[in-house]
Amino acid sequence: MPQLDTSTWFLIILSSTMSLFILFQLKLASFQYYSIPNSKALHSSKIPNPWESKWTKIYSPLSLPPH
């Protein structure tokens, strides 16, 4: 039974890996990236809140005068 010659395997694996790498690089280099579409300004309908028409002030406990 003849023995399997593995002396050329390294060269074959290396050359096929390099070929695949070059093919993928060429494929990615020729890929057309589309520009980001301009986002349309969304006009949201403003719902009036009852607290928006009133002026309120929130007092911090540290700003109150001492008792």
Protein backbone atom coordinates (compact mmCIF):
# COMPACT_ATOMS: atom_id res chain seq x y z
CA MET A 1 0.00 0.00 0.00
CA PRO A 2 1.62 3.28 -1.07
CA GLN A 3 2.13 6.02 1.49
CA LEU A 4 0.26 9.31 1.05
CA ASP A 5 2.53 12.15 -0.06
CA THR A 6 1.75 15.17 2.14
CA SER A 7 4.69 17.34 1.12
CA THR A 8 2.60 19.61 -1.09
CA TRP A 9 -0.32 20.08 1.29
CA PHE A 10 1.14 23.14 2.98
CA LEU A 11 1.63 24.88 -0.36
CA ILE A 12 -1.88 24.00 -1.53
CA ILE A 13 -3.53 25.16 1.70
CA LEU A 14 -1.51 28.38 1.75
CA SER A 15 -2.22 29.24 -1.88
CA SER A 16 -5.94 28.47 -1.58
CA THR A 17 -6.19 30.60 1.57
CA MET A 18 -4.47 33.50 -0.16
CA SER A 19 -6.71 33.11 -3.21
CA LEU A 20 -9.84 33.15 -1.08
CA PHE A 21 -8.58 36.22 0.79
CA ILE A 22 -7.89 38.08 -2.46
CA LEU A 23 -11.26 37.09 -3.89
CA PHE A 24 -13.09 38.34 -0.81
CA GLN A 25 -11.11 41.59 -0.86
CA LEU A 26 -12.03 42.17 -4.49
CA LYS A 27 -15.65 41.32 -3.77
CA LEU A 28 -15.81 43.77 -0.88
CA ALA A 29 -13.96 46.48 -2.82
CA SER A 30 -16.51 46.35 -5.63
CA PHE A 31 -19.49 46.43 -3.27
CA GLN A 32 -21.65 49.53 -3.73
CA TYR A 33 -22.52 51.12 -0.39
CA TYR A 34 -25.74 53.06 -0.62
CA SER A 35 -25.81 56.50 0.93
CA ILE A 36 -27.85 57.01 4.07
CA PRO A 37 -31.28 58.33 3.09
CA ASN A 38 -32.14 61.73 4.46
CA SER A 39 -34.51 61.37 7.34
CA LYS A 40 -37.77 63.17 6.89
CA ALA A 41 -38.70 65.62 9.60
CA LEU A 42 -41.51 64.02 11.51
CA HIS A 43 -44.05 66.58 12.61
CA SER A 44 -45.57 65.14 15.72
CA SER A 45 -48.91 66.53 16.73
CA LYS A 46 -48.43 68.42 19.95
CA ILE A 47 -50.90 67.40 22.61
CA PRO A 48 -51.37 70.20 25.14
CA ASN A 49 -50.77 69.15 28.71
CA PRO A 50 -52.59 70.93 31.53
CA TRP A 51 -49.36 71.60 33.42
CA GLU A 52 -47.67 73.30 30.49
CA SER A 53 -49.88 76.38 30.70
CA LYS A 54 -49.17 76.93 34.40
CA TRP A 55 -45.98 78.27 35.89
CA THR A 56 -44.76 76.04 38.65
CA LYS A 57 -41.69 76.17 40.80
CA ILE A 58 -40.17 73.20 42.52
CA TYR A 59 -38.38 74.08 45.72
CA SER A 60 -35.32 72.16 46.70
CA PRO A 61 -35.20 71.31 50.43
CA LEU A 62 -31.75 72.87 50.66
CA SER A 63 -32.96 76.22 49.26
CA LEU A 64 -35.73 76.63 51.83
CA PRO A 65 -35.07 78.93 54.76
CA PRO A 66 -34.26 77.15 58.02
CA HIS A 67 -37.13 76.76 60.46
